[in-house]
Amino acid sequence: MVDTGTGPDTAARTLITELRSLLGAKLVAYLAEAPDTATAHGWVDGTTPLPDHAILDRLQVALDAARRIGARDTPAVIQRKSR
């Protein structure tokens, strides 16, 4: 996981915030097996306990992939929904 030097909770919130901005809350919630997007928003604002390390690792992999795609394409391609 990304370490911002400010602690694991802050690093996790930063990870989720960035991923949510790239993929949207709905896809972040899906990847994290969260029941709804409110849970993903709650992770960021601190009202919902953060997901476990296995989920955070999965979200880190998704963020890495989204960044790689974003380096070559537009944000619309990162968020593209299948038809």
N, C-alpha and C. Protein backbone atom coordinates (compact mmCIF):
# COMPACT_ATOMS: atom_id res chain seq x y z
N MET A 1 0.83 -1.17 0.00
CA MET A 1 0.00 0.00 0.00
C MET A 1 0.88 1.24 0.00
N VAL A 2 0.36 2.34 -0.54
CA VAL A 2 1.07 3.59 -0.58
C VAL A 2 1.24 4.11 0.84
N ASP A 3 2.45 4.52 1.20
CA ASP A 3 2.69 5.07 2.52
C ASP A 3 2.98 6.55 2.37
N THR A 4 2.11 7.39 2.89
CA THR A 4 2.29 8.84 2.81
C THR A 4 3.08 9.37 3.99
N GLY A 5 3.49 8.49 4.89
CA GLY A 5 4.26 8.91 6.04
C GLY A 5 3.40 9.45 7.18
N THR A 6 2.10 9.35 7.06
CA THR A 6 1.21 9.90 8.07
C THR A 6 0.36 8.83 8.74
N GLY A 7 0.71 7.58 8.55
CA GLY A 7 -0.01 6.50 9.20
C GLY A 7 -0.84 5.70 8.23
N PRO A 8 -1.12 4.46 8.63
CA PRO A 8 -1.84 3.56 7.72
C PRO A 8 -3.27 4.01 7.41
N ASP A 9 -3.97 4.60 8.37
CA ASP A 9 -5.34 5.04 8.08
C ASP A 9 -5.36 6.16 7.05
N THR A 10 -4.46 7.11 7.20
CA THR A 10 -4.40 8.22 6.24
C THR A 10 -3.97 7.70 4.87
N ALA A 11 -3.03 6.79 4.84
CA ALA A 11 -2.59 6.21 3.56
C ALA A 11 -3.74 5.47 2.88
N ALA A 12 -4.52 4.72 3.66
CA ALA A 12 -5.66 4.00 3.09
C ALA A 12 -6.71 4.97 2.57
N ARG A 13 -6.98 6.02 3.32
CA ARG A 13 -7.96 7.01 2.87
C ARG A 13 -7.49 7.72 1.61
N THR A 14 -6.20 8.00 1.53
CA THR A 14 -5.64 8.63 0.33
C THR A 14 -5.78 7.69 -0.86
N LEU A 15 -5.48 6.43 -0.66
CA LEU A 15 -5.62 5.41 -1.70
C LEU A 15 -7.07 5.37 -2.21
N ILE A 16 -8.01 5.28 -1.31
CA ILE A 16 -9.42 5.17 -1.69
C ILE A 16 -9.89 6.45 -2.36
N THR A 17 -9.45 7.59 -1.87
CA THR A 17 -9.84 8.88 -2.47
C THR A 17 -9.37 8.96 -3.91
N GLU A 18 -8.10 8.62 -4.14
CA GLU A 18 -7.57 8.69 -5.50
C GLU A 18 -8.26 7.69 -6.42
N LEU A 19 -8.45 6.48 -5.93
CA LEU A 19 -9.11 5.47 -6.75
C LEU A 19 -10.55 5.87 -7.06
N ARG A 20 -11.22 6.42 -6.07
CA ARG A 20 -12.59 6.87 -6.27
C ARG A 20 -12.66 7.99 -7.31
N SER A 21 -11.66 8.86 -7.33
CA SER A 21 -11.66 9.94 -8.32
C SER A 21 -11.39 9.40 -9.73
N LEU A 22 -10.63 8.31 -9.82
CA LEU A 22 -10.33 7.72 -11.13
C LEU A 22 -11.44 6.80 -11.63
N LEU A 23 -11.99 5.98 -10.73
CA LEU A 23 -12.94 4.95 -11.14
C LEU A 23 -14.40 5.26 -10.79
N GLY A 24 -14.58 6.12 -9.82
CA GLY A 24 -15.93 6.38 -9.32
C GLY A 24 -16.22 5.52 -8.10
N ALA A 25 -17.10 6.01 -7.26
CA ALA A 25 -17.43 5.32 -6.01
C ALA A 25 -18.08 3.96 -6.24
N LYS A 26 -18.87 3.84 -7.29
CA LYS A 26 -19.57 2.58 -7.54
C LYS A 26 -18.59 1.44 -7.82
N LEU A 27 -17.60 1.70 -8.65
CA LEU A 27 -16.62 0.66 -8.98
C LEU A 27 -15.71 0.37 -7.78
N VAL A 28 -15.35 1.39 -7.03
CA VAL A 28 -14.54 1.17 -5.82
C VAL A 28 -15.30 0.29 -4.85
N ALA A 29 -16.58 0.58 -4.64
CA ALA A 29 -17.40 -0.24 -3.74
C ALA A 29 -17.47 -1.68 -4.25
N TYR A 30 -17.63 -1.85 -5.54
CA TYR A 30 -17.70 -3.19 -6.12
C TYR A 30 -16.38 -3.94 -5.89
N LEU A 31 -15.26 -3.29 -6.20
CA LEU A 31 -13.95 -3.94 -6.03
C LEU A 31 -13.68 -4.31 -4.58
N ALA A 32 -14.21 -3.51 -3.66
CA ALA A 32 -13.98 -3.75 -2.24
C ALA A 32 -15.05 -4.63 -1.60
N GLU A 33 -15.99 -5.10 -2.42
CA GLU A 33 -17.09 -5.93 -1.93
C GLU A 33 -17.90 -5.21 -0.85
N ALA A 34 -18.02 -3.89 -1.00
CA ALA A 34 -18.80 -3.08 -0.06
C ALA A 34 -20.27 -3.17 -0.45
N PRO A 35 -21.17 -3.01 0.51
CA PRO A 35 -22.59 -3.13 0.20
C PRO A 35 -23.14 -1.97 -0.63
N ASP A 36 -22.48 -0.81 -0.57
CA ASP A 36 -22.99 0.35 -1.31
C ASP A 36 -21.90 1.42 -1.41
N THR A 37 -22.18 2.47 -2.18
CA THR A 37 -21.20 3.55 -2.35
C THR A 37 -21.06 4.38 -1.08
N ALA A 38 -22.08 4.41 -0.25
CA ALA A 38 -21.99 5.17 1.01
C ALA A 38 -20.86 4.62 1.87
N THR A 39 -20.63 3.33 1.80
CA THR A 39 -19.53 2.72 2.55
C THR A 39 -18.20 3.26 2.06
N ALA A 40 -18.02 3.34 0.75
CA ALA A 40 -16.78 3.87 0.19
C ALA A 40 -16.58 5.33 0.59
N HIS A 41 -17.65 6.09 0.60
CA HIS A 41 -17.55 7.49 1.04
C HIS A 41 -17.21 7.55 2.53
N GLY A 42 -17.79 6.65 3.31
CA GLY A 42 -17.53 6.60 4.74
C GLY A 42 -16.09 6.25 5.08
N TRP A 43 -15.45 5.42 4.25
CA TRP A 43 -14.04 5.11 4.48
C TRP A 43 -13.19 6.37 4.40
N VAL A 44 -13.53 7.21 3.43
CA VAL A 44 -12.74 8.43 3.22
C VAL A 44 -12.98 9.45 4.33
N ASP A 45 -14.23 9.63 4.71
CA ASP A 45 -14.51 10.66 5.73
C ASP A 45 -14.38 10.15 7.16
N GLY A 46 -14.07 8.87 7.32
CA GLY A 46 -13.80 8.32 8.64
C GLY A 46 -15.02 7.87 9.42
N THR A 47 -16.18 7.83 8.78
CA THR A 47 -17.40 7.41 9.49
C THR A 47 -17.65 5.92 9.41
N THR A 48 -16.91 5.24 8.55
CA THR A 48 -17.02 3.79 8.39
C THR A 48 -15.63 3.18 8.59
N PRO A 49 -15.53 2.10 9.34
CA PRO A 49 -14.21 1.47 9.51
C PRO A 49 -13.62 1.06 8.16
N LEU A 50 -12.33 1.25 8.02
CA LEU A 50 -11.64 0.91 6.77
C LEU A 50 -11.73 -0.59 6.51
N PRO A 51 -11.68 -0.97 5.23
CA PRO A 51 -11.68 -2.41 4.91
C PRO A 51 -10.38 -3.06 5.37
N ASP A 52 -10.37 -4.39 5.40
CA ASP A 52 -9.18 -5.10 5.86
C ASP A 52 -8.04 -4.99 4.84
N HIS A 53 -6.88 -5.46 5.24
CA HIS A 53 -5.67 -5.31 4.42
C HIS A 53 -5.78 -6.01 3.07
N ALA A 54 -6.45 -7.14 3.02
CA ALA A 54 -6.60 -7.85 1.74
C ALA A 54 -7.37 -7.00 0.73
N ILE A 55 -8.41 -6.33 1.21
CA ILE A 55 -9.21 -5.45 0.34
C ILE A 55 -8.37 -4.24 -0.06
N LEU A 56 -7.65 -3.66 0.89
CA LEU A 56 -6.81 -2.50 0.58
C LEU A 56 -5.73 -2.87 -0.44
N ASP A 57 -5.18 -4.07 -0.32
CA ASP A 57 -4.20 -4.52 -1.31
C ASP A 57 -4.83 -4.63 -2.69
N ARG A 58 -6.05 -5.15 -2.74
CA ARG A 58 -6.77 -5.25 -4.02
C ARG A 58 -7.01 -3.86 -4.60
N LEU A 59 -7.39 -2.91 -3.76
CA LEU A 59 -7.62 -1.55 -4.23
C LEU A 59 -6.32 -0.91 -4.70
N GLN A 60 -5.21 -1.25 -4.06
CA GLN A 60 -3.91 -0.73 -4.50
C GLN A 60 -3.57 -1.24 -5.90
N VAL A 61 -3.82 -2.50 -6.15
CA VAL A 61 -3.58 -3.06 -7.49
C VAL A 61 -4.47 -2.35 -8.52
N ALA A 62 -5.72 -2.11 -8.16
CA ALA A 62 -6.63 -1.41 -9.07
C ALA A 62 -6.14 0.01 -9.33
N LEU A 63 -5.64 0.67 -8.30
CA LEU A 63 -5.12 2.03 -8.47
C LEU A 63 -3.90 2.02 -9.39
N ASP A 64 -3.01 1.08 -9.18
CA ASP A 64 -1.84 0.97 -10.05
C ASP A 64 -2.25 0.78 -11.51
N ALA A 65 -3.23 -0.09 -11.73
CA ALA A 65 -3.72 -0.34 -13.10
C ALA A 65 -4.37 0.92 -13.68
N ALA A 66 -5.18 1.60 -12.88
CA ALA A 66 -5.85 2.81 -13.35
C ALA A 66 -4.84 3.90 -13.69
N ARG A 67 -3.81 4.02 -12.89
CA ARG A 67 -2.75 5.00 -13.18
C ARG A 67 -2.05 4.67 -14.50
N ARG A 68 -1.76 3.39 -14.71
CA ARG A 68 -1.10 3.00 -15.96
C ARG A 68 -1.98 3.29 -17.17
N ILE A 69 -3.24 2.98 -17.05
CA ILE A 69 -4.17 3.28 -18.16
C ILE A 69 -4.27 4.79 -18.35
N GLY A 70 -4.35 5.52 -17.25
CA GLY A 70 -4.46 6.97 -17.32
C GLY A 70 -3.24 7.64 -17.92
N ALA A 71 -2.09 7.01 -17.81
CA ALA A 71 -0.88 7.57 -18.40
C ALA A 71 -0.92 7.52 -19.92
N ARG A 72 -1.75 6.62 -20.46
CA ARG A 72 -1.82 6.44 -21.91
C ARG A 72 -3.14 6.89 -22.51
N ASP A 73 -4.16 7.02 -21.69
CA ASP A 73 -5.49 7.32 -22.20
C ASP A 73 -6.19 8.36 -21.34
N THR A 74 -7.39 8.69 -21.73
CA THR A 74 -8.18 9.70 -21.03
C THR A 74 -8.91 9.08 -19.84
N PRO A 75 -9.33 9.91 -18.90
CA PRO A 75 -10.11 9.39 -17.77
C PRO A 75 -11.38 8.64 -18.20
N ALA A 76 -11.95 9.02 -19.31
CA ALA A 76 -13.15 8.32 -19.80
C ALA A 76 -12.85 6.86 -20.10
N VAL A 77 -11.66 6.56 -20.56
CA VAL A 77 -11.29 5.17 -20.86
C VAL A 77 -11.14 4.38 -19.56
N ILE A 78 -10.59 5.00 -18.53
CA ILE A 78 -10.42 4.32 -17.24
C ILE A 78 -11.79 3.91 -16.68
N GLN A 79 -12.78 4.78 -16.82
CA GLN A 79 -14.09 4.55 -16.23
C GLN A 79 -15.06 3.85 -17.17
N ARG A 80 -14.62 3.52 -18.35
CA ARG A 80 -15.54 2.97 -19.35
C ARG A 80 -16.27 1.74 -18.82
N LYS A 81 -17.55 1.77 -19.03
CA LYS A 81 -18.41 0.66 -18.61
C LYS A 81 -18.62 -0.28 -19.78
N SER A 82 -18.68 -1.56 -19.49
CA SER A 82 -18.95 -2.51 -20.55
C SER A 82 -20.41 -2.40 -20.94
N ARG A 83 -20.70 -2.78 -22.16
CA ARG A 83 -22.07 -2.63 -22.67
C ARG A 83 -22.84 -3.89 -22.54
